[in-house]
Amino acid sequence: MKKIAVFVLLVLLISPLFGDVTFTDSLGRVRTIKKVERVIAAGRPAEMMIAALNPELLVGITYQMTETTEKFFPYMKGLPLFGKFYGAKSNLNREALIMADPDVIIDIGEIKDGISEDLDRLEKETGIPVVFIESYLENTPTALRKLSTLLGTEEKGEVLASFAEETIARGKRTRESVGKEKSIYYSPSEDVLLTYPAGSFHTESIKLAGGKNVIDGKFQEGGGKVTLEELFMLSPEYIILSNENAYEMVKSDKKWALLDAVSSNHVYKIPSVPYSFVDAPPALNRLIGIDWLSKLLYPEENKDLDVKERVREFYRLFYNYDLSGEELDEILEDSL
C-alpha cells in the first residue's frame, strides 16, 4: 500500500513537467496546450520576442529574410516561410504551417478590433491552438514575463524583462527631471517630409525617452506629409532620420540649413541594423532607442549611461549576438 502511495505521489510531482500547459492569453481566452516545443509566431513582434527567449522553439518565419537579418539571426535561415497570417494582405500558406506541426501559434502586439474573432478563425482553420499576448513598448517587461511562462523560459525572461524595466524607468526619470522636453522631428523615409504623429507606434520611443514629437496627435494617424514651411513654424530642436539619403540631404541642403536643428548640428541618423531603434517593426527592437535618445537629448541627466555598452548588451541579450567594436561603430555612425 505504501509503495502505491509513493508511486501516486511521484506521478503527481512529475506530471506537471510533461503534462498540459493551461494558458490564459491577454484576451481572456484560455487554451490548453499539450506541450510547447514547436512554436510559430503570427508576426514579427512575436517572432522577435520568441527568438530572444529561445530561438530553437521556432519552426517557421513570417517574413523573407535579408542578408542582414540572416547575419544576426542565422538560426532562422532555412526555416519555412509562412507569410502574413491575417488582415487585408494575408498570404498565409496554411498547408506549410500545418506541415510544420507546431504546438502553438503565438501572436503579440496591440489589441485591435476583431482580433479575438481573427485568432479564433485561424485556430479553427489550422487546428492549432492560437494565443495572444498584448504588447506595446512600455509594457514590454510584462509581455516578456507572460510569454516566458508559456515557453518555460522564466529565467531568461526575467533577465530580459529587467533590462527593459531599467531602460523604461531611466527614460521616465529623465522626462520628469528635465521639465521642458526637447522637441524632435522624425522621418522614416527618403522623403524627409513624410512623418508620423505622437501616439503612433513609430514614435513611442521618443516619448519614453523624454522627447516631444513636434507632430501632434491631430496629424494624420497613419502618417502623412508636412511642408518645409510647416517645419519652420514647428521649429524642432532635433531631427532624427532613418534613411541615409534623407540624412545626407538635410545636412547639405541650403534650405534645410535655415532650420535651428540643422544649424545647431542636431541632425542624427537612427541606428537601423538589423532593425530600427525607433520604429519598424513595432517590436522590442525599439527598447534600445529609449536609451539612445535619452542620452542624445539629455547627456547631463544621463552621465552614467554608456550608450555603446548598453547597445552591446542589448544585442547580446535580445539578438543573441556579440557585436565587435567595428560593428558597433558602424551601427552608431552619425547617430551620436
Protein backbone atom coordinates (compact mmCIF):
# COMPACT_ATOMS: atom_id res chain seq x y z
CA MET A 1 0.00 0.00 0.00
CA LYS A 2 2.86 2.34 0.88
CA LYS A 3 4.52 1.61 -2.48
CA ILE A 4 1.32 2.55 -4.31
CA ALA A 5 1.04 5.78 -2.34
CA VAL A 6 4.66 6.69 -3.12
CA PHE A 7 4.11 5.92 -6.81
CA VAL A 8 1.00 8.12 -6.95
CA LEU A 9 2.89 10.94 -5.24
CA LEU A 10 5.74 10.69 -7.73
CA VAL A 11 3.29 10.80 -10.63
CA LEU A 12 1.67 13.93 -9.21
CA LEU A 13 5.06 15.59 -8.77
CA ILE A 14 6.44 14.66 -12.17
CA SER A 15 3.35 15.03 -14.36
CA PRO A 16 3.40 18.87 -14.48
CA LEU A 17 6.76 18.57 -16.25
CA PHE A 18 5.21 16.54 -19.05
CA GLY A 19 1.54 17.45 -18.82
CA ASP A 20 -0.65 20.04 -20.44
CA VAL A 21 0.04 23.75 -20.23
CA THR A 22 -3.04 25.85 -19.49
CA PHE A 23 -2.55 29.45 -20.58
CA THR A 24 -4.85 32.46 -20.34
CA ASP A 25 -3.93 34.99 -23.00
CA SER A 26 -4.34 38.77 -22.94
CA LEU A 27 -7.82 38.49 -24.47
CA GLY A 28 -9.02 36.23 -21.66
CA ARG A 29 -9.02 33.19 -23.96
CA VAL A 30 -7.99 30.00 -22.10
CA ARG A 31 -6.10 27.40 -24.09
CA THR A 32 -4.70 24.04 -23.03
CA ILE A 33 -1.55 23.06 -24.92
CA LYS A 34 -0.12 19.57 -24.58
CA LYS A 35 3.46 20.74 -24.90
CA VAL A 36 5.40 23.80 -26.03
CA GLU A 37 8.35 22.56 -28.05
CA ARG A 38 7.49 23.76 -31.56
CA VAL A 39 6.28 27.33 -31.92
CA ILE A 40 5.16 29.59 -34.74
CA ALA A 41 4.86 33.37 -34.44
CA ALA A 42 1.97 35.15 -36.12
CA GLY A 43 4.06 38.24 -36.85
CA ARG A 44 7.40 39.95 -36.45
CA PRO A 45 6.87 41.21 -32.85
CA ALA A 46 6.12 37.68 -31.66
CA GLU A 47 8.91 36.20 -33.72
CA MET A 48 11.50 38.55 -32.23
CA MET A 49 10.35 38.01 -28.67
CA ILE A 50 10.31 34.22 -29.02
CA ALA A 51 13.75 34.28 -30.65
CA ALA A 52 15.12 36.39 -27.81
CA LEU A 53 13.86 33.87 -25.23
CA ASN A 54 14.60 30.61 -27.07
CA PRO A 55 15.18 30.66 -30.84
CA GLU A 56 15.26 26.87 -31.04
CA LEU A 57 11.48 26.78 -30.49
CA LEU A 58 10.72 28.49 -33.81
CA VAL A 59 9.77 26.18 -36.67
CA GLY A 60 8.99 28.83 -39.30
CA ILE A 61 9.15 32.53 -40.11
CA THR A 62 6.64 35.13 -41.26
CA TYR A 63 8.86 37.34 -43.42
CA GLN A 64 11.50 36.99 -46.13
CA MET A 65 14.94 37.26 -44.57
CA THR A 66 17.60 39.59 -45.94
CA GLU A 67 21.37 39.26 -45.92
CA THR A 68 21.46 41.49 -42.84
CA THR A 69 18.86 39.59 -40.84
CA GLU A 70 20.50 36.29 -41.76
CA LYS A 71 23.72 37.59 -40.27
CA PHE A 72 22.12 38.50 -36.95
CA PHE A 73 19.62 35.61 -36.82
CA PRO A 74 21.37 32.68 -38.52
CA TYR A 75 19.17 30.17 -36.69
CA MET A 76 16.17 31.41 -38.71
CA LYS A 77 17.86 30.80 -42.05
CA GLY A 78 16.31 27.86 -43.84
CA LEU A 79 13.11 27.82 -41.80
CA PRO A 80 9.92 27.63 -43.89
CA LEU A 81 8.25 30.94 -44.76
CA PHE A 82 4.55 31.08 -43.88
CA GLY A 83 3.67 34.65 -44.88
CA LYS A 84 1.31 37.14 -43.29
CA PHE A 85 -1.19 35.44 -41.00
CA TYR A 86 -4.28 37.62 -41.13
CA GLY A 87 -5.52 41.02 -42.22
CA ALA A 88 -6.19 42.62 -45.59
CA LYS A 89 -2.87 41.46 -47.06
CA SER A 90 -2.92 37.95 -45.63
CA ASN A 91 -0.97 35.47 -47.74
CA LEU A 92 -0.66 32.69 -45.19
CA ASN A 93 0.44 29.32 -46.55
CA ARG A 94 -1.79 27.18 -44.34
CA GLU A 95 -0.55 23.90 -45.79
CA ALA A 96 3.08 24.73 -44.95
CA LEU A 97 2.02 25.87 -41.49
CA ILE A 98 0.15 22.65 -40.73
CA MET A 99 3.01 20.55 -42.13
CA ALA A 100 5.38 22.26 -39.68
CA ASP A 101 3.29 20.70 -36.89
CA PRO A 102 3.61 23.47 -34.27
CA ASP A 103 2.28 23.06 -30.75
CA VAL A 104 1.03 26.63 -30.63
CA ILE A 105 0.78 29.83 -32.68
CA ILE A 106 1.65 32.98 -30.76
CA ASP A 107 0.55 36.48 -31.71
CA ILE A 108 1.97 39.52 -29.92
CA GLY A 109 1.06 43.18 -30.34
CA GLU A 110 -1.59 45.77 -29.68
CA ILE A 111 -5.22 44.78 -29.17
CA LYS A 112 -7.24 45.68 -32.27
CA ASP A 113 -10.95 45.45 -33.01
CA GLY A 114 -11.98 41.95 -34.04
CA ILE A 115 -8.72 40.32 -33.00
CA SER A 116 -10.41 37.58 -30.96
CA GLU A 117 -12.54 36.59 -33.94
CA ASP A 118 -9.50 36.62 -36.25
CA LEU A 119 -7.50 34.37 -33.95
CA ASP A 120 -10.41 32.01 -33.33
CA ARG A 121 -10.87 31.71 -37.08
CA LEU A 122 -7.18 30.96 -37.60
CA GLU A 123 -7.34 28.36 -34.86
CA LYS A 124 -10.35 26.69 -36.44
CA GLU A 125 -8.80 26.67 -39.92
CA THR A 126 -5.49 25.16 -38.79
CA GLY A 127 -6.49 23.03 -35.81
CA ILE A 128 -3.59 24.59 -33.86
CA PRO A 129 -4.02 26.49 -30.55
CA VAL A 130 -3.55 30.24 -31.01
CA VAL A 131 -2.78 32.62 -28.13
CA PHE A 132 -2.38 36.39 -27.98
CA ILE A 133 -0.14 38.50 -25.72
CA GLU A 134 -0.71 42.23 -25.58
CA SER A 135 2.47 44.23 -26.09
CA TYR A 136 3.31 47.86 -26.65
CA LEU A 137 6.68 49.41 -25.91
CA GLU A 138 6.02 50.46 -22.32
CA ASN A 139 4.63 47.08 -21.24
CA THR A 140 7.43 45.04 -22.82
CA PRO A 141 8.56 43.70 -19.42
CA THR A 142 5.06 42.36 -18.70
CA ALA A 143 4.81 40.79 -22.17
CA LEU A 144 8.20 39.11 -21.79
CA ARG A 145 7.27 37.60 -18.45
CA LYS A 146 3.90 36.39 -19.71
CA LEU A 147 5.43 34.78 -22.78
CA SER A 148 8.12 33.18 -20.62
CA THR A 149 5.53 31.34 -18.57
CA LEU A 150 4.18 29.78 -21.75
CA LEU A 151 7.57 28.88 -23.22
CA GLY A 152 9.13 27.71 -19.95
CA THR A 153 11.91 30.31 -20.20
CA GLU A 154 11.27 32.19 -16.96
CA GLU A 155 14.94 32.67 -16.09
CA LYS A 156 15.89 34.24 -19.42
CA GLY A 157 12.61 36.13 -19.46
CA GLU A 158 13.40 37.77 -16.14
CA VAL A 159 16.82 38.91 -17.39
CA LEU A 160 15.26 40.50 -20.48
CA ALA A 161 12.33 41.99 -18.54
CA SER A 162 14.74 43.55 -16.03
CA PHE A 163 16.74 45.15 -18.85
CA ALA A 164 13.53 46.53 -20.33
CA GLU A 165 12.34 47.84 -16.96
CA GLU A 166 15.64 49.59 -16.34
CA THR A 167 15.51 51.24 -19.76
CA ILE A 168 11.92 52.43 -19.43
CA ALA A 169 12.47 53.65 -15.85
CA ARG A 170 15.53 55.67 -16.93
CA GLY A 171 13.54 57.35 -19.67
CA LYS A 172 10.76 58.24 -17.23
CA ARG A 173 13.23 59.65 -14.70
CA THR A 174 14.82 61.72 -17.43
CA ARG A 175 11.48 63.10 -18.58
CA GLU A 176 10.49 64.02 -15.03
CA SER A 177 13.80 65.69 -14.23
CA VAL A 178 14.20 67.93 -17.27
CA GLY A 179 10.96 69.90 -17.03
CA LYS A 180 10.76 71.15 -20.62
CA GLU A 181 11.04 68.32 -23.15
CA LYS A 182 13.35 68.61 -26.15
CA SER A 183 11.37 68.73 -29.39
CA ILE A 184 12.00 66.26 -32.22
CA TYR A 185 11.03 65.90 -35.83
CA TYR A 186 11.19 62.31 -37.07
CA SER A 187 11.00 60.82 -40.55
CA PRO A 188 11.47 57.17 -41.60
CA SER A 189 11.58 57.89 -45.32
CA GLU A 190 13.86 59.15 -48.06
CA ASP A 191 11.17 61.78 -48.49
CA VAL A 192 12.07 63.71 -45.36
CA LEU A 193 8.65 65.35 -45.21
CA LEU A 194 6.89 62.02 -44.55
CA THR A 195 6.33 61.58 -40.83
CA TYR A 196 4.15 60.11 -38.06
CA PRO A 197 2.45 61.84 -35.14
CA ALA A 198 2.75 61.48 -31.39
CA GLY A 199 0.81 58.42 -30.27
CA SER A 200 1.88 56.30 -33.25
CA PHE A 201 3.93 53.18 -32.52
CA HIS A 202 6.57 54.72 -34.78
CA THR A 203 7.25 57.37 -32.15
CA GLU A 204 6.68 55.60 -28.82
CA SER A 205 10.39 55.57 -28.02
CA ILE A 206 10.58 59.36 -28.48
CA LYS A 207 8.04 59.91 -25.72
CA LEU A 208 9.54 57.29 -23.40
CA ALA A 209 12.99 58.87 -23.81
CA GLY A 210 11.66 62.25 -22.68
CA GLY A 211 11.35 63.85 -26.11
CA LYS A 212 8.41 65.68 -27.63
CA ASN A 213 7.30 64.86 -31.16
CA VAL A 214 6.55 68.19 -32.87
CA ILE A 215 3.90 66.42 -34.97
CA ASP A 216 0.98 66.17 -32.56
CA GLY A 217 -1.77 63.58 -32.39
CA LYS A 218 -4.12 65.68 -34.53
CA PHE A 219 -1.97 64.91 -37.55
CA GLN A 220 -2.97 62.08 -39.90
CA GLU A 221 -2.95 58.95 -37.72
CA GLY A 222 -1.42 56.64 -40.29
CA GLY A 223 1.28 59.13 -41.17
CA GLY A 224 1.48 61.76 -43.87
CA LYS A 225 3.49 64.65 -45.25
CA VAL A 226 4.29 68.07 -43.88
CA THR A 227 5.81 71.00 -45.73
CA LEU A 228 9.16 72.59 -45.05
CA GLU A 229 7.30 75.80 -44.20
CA GLU A 230 5.35 73.94 -41.52
CA LEU A 231 8.59 72.60 -40.11
CA PHE A 232 9.96 76.12 -39.82
CA MET A 233 6.88 77.03 -37.80
CA LEU A 234 7.23 73.93 -35.59
CA SER A 235 10.96 74.59 -35.16
CA PRO A 236 12.15 71.23 -33.83
CA GLU A 237 15.32 71.22 -31.75
CA TYR A 238 16.36 67.80 -33.08
CA ILE A 239 15.81 65.90 -36.33
CA ILE A 240 16.17 62.11 -36.45
CA LEU A 241 16.04 60.24 -39.74
CA SER A 242 16.02 56.58 -40.75
CA ASN A 243 17.12 56.95 -44.35
CA GLU A 244 20.78 57.54 -45.30
CA ASN A 245 19.91 59.68 -48.35
CA ALA A 246 17.49 61.75 -46.28
CA TYR A 247 20.19 62.34 -43.69
CA GLU A 248 22.74 63.47 -46.30
CA MET A 249 20.20 65.77 -47.97
CA VAL A 250 19.17 67.52 -44.75
CA LYS A 251 22.80 68.01 -43.75
CA SER A 252 23.75 69.56 -47.09
CA ASP A 253 20.66 71.33 -48.49
CA LYS A 254 20.76 75.13 -48.09
CA LYS A 255 17.01 75.41 -47.48
CA TRP A 256 17.14 72.93 -44.61
CA ALA A 257 20.20 74.68 -43.19
CA LEU A 258 17.93 77.52 -42.04
CA LEU A 259 16.20 75.23 -39.53
CA ASP A 260 17.55 75.62 -35.98
CA ALA A 261 18.05 71.87 -35.60
CA VAL A 262 20.25 71.80 -38.69
CA SER A 263 22.24 74.95 -37.92
CA SER A 264 22.81 73.60 -34.39
CA ASN A 265 24.08 70.30 -35.83
CA HIS A 266 21.29 68.37 -34.14
CA VAL A 267 20.51 66.07 -37.08
CA TYR A 268 21.06 62.38 -36.46
CA LYS A 269 20.62 59.11 -38.26
CA ILE A 270 18.52 56.49 -36.47
CA PRO A 271 20.52 53.27 -36.00
CA SER A 272 18.72 50.63 -38.05
CA VAL A 273 20.81 47.44 -38.20
CA PRO A 274 19.31 44.89 -38.16
CA TYR A 275 16.19 46.81 -37.10
CA SER A 276 15.38 50.44 -36.34
CA PHE A 277 15.96 51.75 -32.81
CA VAL A 278 12.78 53.84 -33.16
CA ASP A 279 10.07 52.43 -35.41
CA ALA A 280 9.55 49.35 -37.57
CA PRO A 281 8.97 46.63 -36.75
CA PRO A 282 6.81 47.62 -33.76
CA ALA A 283 8.66 45.20 -31.51
CA LEU A 284 11.28 45.03 -28.78
CA ASN A 285 13.94 46.48 -31.13
CA ARG A 286 12.64 49.91 -30.04
CA LEU A 287 13.73 49.41 -26.43
CA ILE A 288 17.32 50.37 -27.13
CA GLY A 289 16.03 53.50 -28.86
CA ILE A 290 14.91 54.81 -25.47
CA ASP A 291 18.47 54.61 -24.13
CA TRP A 292 19.92 56.08 -27.33
CA LEU A 293 17.53 59.05 -27.37
CA SER A 294 17.71 59.69 -23.62
CA LYS A 295 21.48 60.09 -23.87
CA LEU A 296 21.29 62.06 -27.12
CA LEU A 297 18.74 64.57 -25.84
CA TYR A 298 19.82 64.83 -22.22
CA PRO A 299 23.52 63.95 -21.80
CA GLU A 300 23.81 65.84 -18.50
CA GLU A 301 20.93 63.90 -16.93
CA ASN A 302 22.40 60.60 -18.16
CA LYS A 303 26.11 60.91 -17.43
CA ASP A 304 26.21 57.35 -16.09
CA LEU A 305 24.69 55.91 -19.28
CA ASP A 306 27.27 54.43 -21.65
CA VAL A 307 25.23 54.07 -24.82
CA LYS A 308 27.79 51.94 -26.64
CA GLU A 309 27.95 49.42 -23.83
CA ARG A 310 24.19 49.48 -23.48
CA VAL A 311 23.75 48.75 -27.20
CA ARG A 312 26.27 45.93 -26.99
CA GLU A 313 24.39 44.43 -24.04
CA PHE A 314 21.04 44.76 -25.82
CA TYR A 315 22.29 42.88 -28.89
CA ARG A 316 23.76 40.15 -26.71
CA LEU A 317 20.57 39.67 -24.68
CA PHE A 318 17.82 40.24 -27.24
CA TYR A 319 19.50 39.23 -30.51
CA ASN A 320 21.85 36.58 -29.07
CA TYR A 321 24.65 38.36 -30.94
CA ASP A 322 28.01 39.66 -29.70
CA LEU A 323 28.92 42.86 -31.54
CA SER A 324 32.52 43.56 -32.45
CA GLY A 325 33.85 47.07 -31.89
CA GLU A 326 33.79 47.70 -35.63
CA GLU A 327 30.18 46.51 -35.96
CA LEU A 328 29.14 48.72 -33.05
CA ASP A 329 30.76 51.79 -34.61
CA GLU A 330 29.08 51.09 -37.95
CA ILE A 331 25.65 50.74 -36.35
CA LEU A 332 26.02 54.01 -34.44
CA GLU A 333 27.65 56.01 -37.26
CA ASP A 334 26.15 59.54 -37.48
CA SER A 335 23.90 58.68 -34.52
CA LEU A 336 25.78 60.17 -31.57
